[in-house]
Amino acid sequence: MNTNPEQHKEIKRILFKDKYGLTDDQMNTLELLEQGLKYAQIADELNISVDGVNKRVQKIYRKLGVNTRHQAAERARSEWLS
């Protein structure tokens, strides 16, 4: 079965999401985090509070088994966004 690049990207997203048990909101937050946005920028983009972003990021770190933004971004890049 041949997939186009958009389908391939979506398949990788689903596999990554399922592997780590992430929610759609956490996936969206992680994608913005990987892009280098600051918490306030992520909050604006997702229309949530900075405290809400912080709570999501802490849950993402736990699920990915990482401790830093850099580690989370690297995991996303290597397994999903590459």
Protein backbone atom coordinates (compact mmCIF):
# COMPACT_ATOMS: atom_id res chain seq x y z
CA MET A 1 0.00 0.00 0.00
CA ASN A 2 1.41 3.36 -1.02
CA THR A 3 0.80 6.38 1.17
CA ASN A 4 1.31 10.01 0.35
CA PRO A 5 3.45 12.17 2.67
CA GLU A 6 0.42 13.56 4.55
CA GLN A 7 -0.95 10.07 5.18
CA HIS A 8 2.48 8.89 6.32
CA LYS A 9 2.76 11.84 8.74
CA GLU A 10 -0.71 11.10 10.16
CA ILE A 11 0.12 7.41 10.60
CA LYS A 12 3.30 8.34 12.51
CA ARG A 13 1.27 10.74 14.69
CA ILE A 14 -1.27 8.03 15.56
CA LEU A 15 1.44 5.47 16.35
CA PHE A 16 3.35 7.94 18.55
CA LYS A 17 0.17 9.03 20.32
CA ASP A 18 -0.87 5.43 21.00
CA LYS A 19 2.61 4.30 22.05
CA TYR A 20 2.82 6.92 24.80
CA GLY A 21 -0.89 7.23 25.65
CA LEU A 22 -1.01 10.93 24.79
CA THR A 23 -4.26 12.85 24.31
CA ASP A 24 -4.94 15.04 21.28
CA ASP A 25 -4.43 18.11 23.47
CA GLN A 26 -1.07 16.78 24.65
CA MET A 27 -0.04 16.03 21.07
CA ASN A 28 -0.89 19.58 20.00
CA THR A 29 1.02 20.97 22.97
CA LEU A 30 4.04 18.77 22.24
CA GLU A 31 4.09 19.86 18.61
CA LEU A 32 4.19 23.53 19.63
CA LEU A 33 6.79 22.76 22.30
CA GLU A 34 8.94 21.06 19.66
CA GLN A 35 8.66 24.18 17.49
CA GLY A 36 10.31 26.13 20.30
CA LEU A 37 7.33 28.18 21.45
CA LYS A 38 7.39 29.51 25.00
CA TYR A 39 4.64 28.49 27.42
CA ALA A 40 2.86 31.87 27.03
CA GLN A 41 2.89 31.48 23.23
CA ILE A 42 1.55 27.93 23.50
CA ALA A 43 -1.17 29.17 25.86
CA ASP A 44 -2.19 31.86 23.36
CA GLU A 45 -2.15 29.40 20.46
CA LEU A 46 -4.27 26.82 22.30
CA ASN A 47 -6.44 29.36 24.14
CA ILE A 48 -5.58 27.99 27.58
CA SER A 49 -3.75 29.40 30.60
CA VAL A 50 0.00 29.23 31.07
CA ASP A 51 -0.70 27.06 34.14
CA GLY A 52 -2.70 24.73 31.88
CA VAL A 53 0.27 24.48 29.51
CA ASN A 54 2.60 23.72 32.41
CA LYS A 55 0.30 20.93 33.65
CA ARG A 56 0.06 19.42 30.16
CA VAL A 57 3.81 19.57 29.68
CA GLN A 58 4.44 17.82 33.01
CA LYS A 59 2.04 15.03 31.98
CA ILE A 60 3.77 14.78 28.60
CA TYR A 61 7.16 14.46 30.30
CA ARG A 62 5.86 11.66 32.55
CA LYS A 63 4.32 9.76 29.66
CA LEU A 64 7.43 10.10 27.50
CA GLY A 65 9.76 9.32 30.41
CA VAL A 66 11.75 12.53 29.96
CA ASN A 67 12.67 15.47 32.18
CA THR A 68 13.22 18.40 29.83
CA ARG A 69 11.73 20.23 26.89
CA HIS A 70 14.76 19.27 24.83
CA GLN A 71 14.31 15.57 25.56
CA ALA A 72 10.58 15.72 24.76
CA ALA A 73 11.23 17.58 21.50
CA GLU A 74 13.95 15.12 20.51
CA ARG A 75 11.67 12.15 21.19
CA ALA A 76 8.92 13.75 19.09
CA ARG A 77 11.36 14.51 16.26
CA SER A 78 12.93 11.07 16.22
CA GLU A 79 9.72 9.05 16.42
CA TRP A 80 7.03 11.25 14.93
CA LEU A 81 8.01 14.52 13.29
CA SER A 82 10.94 13.32 11.19
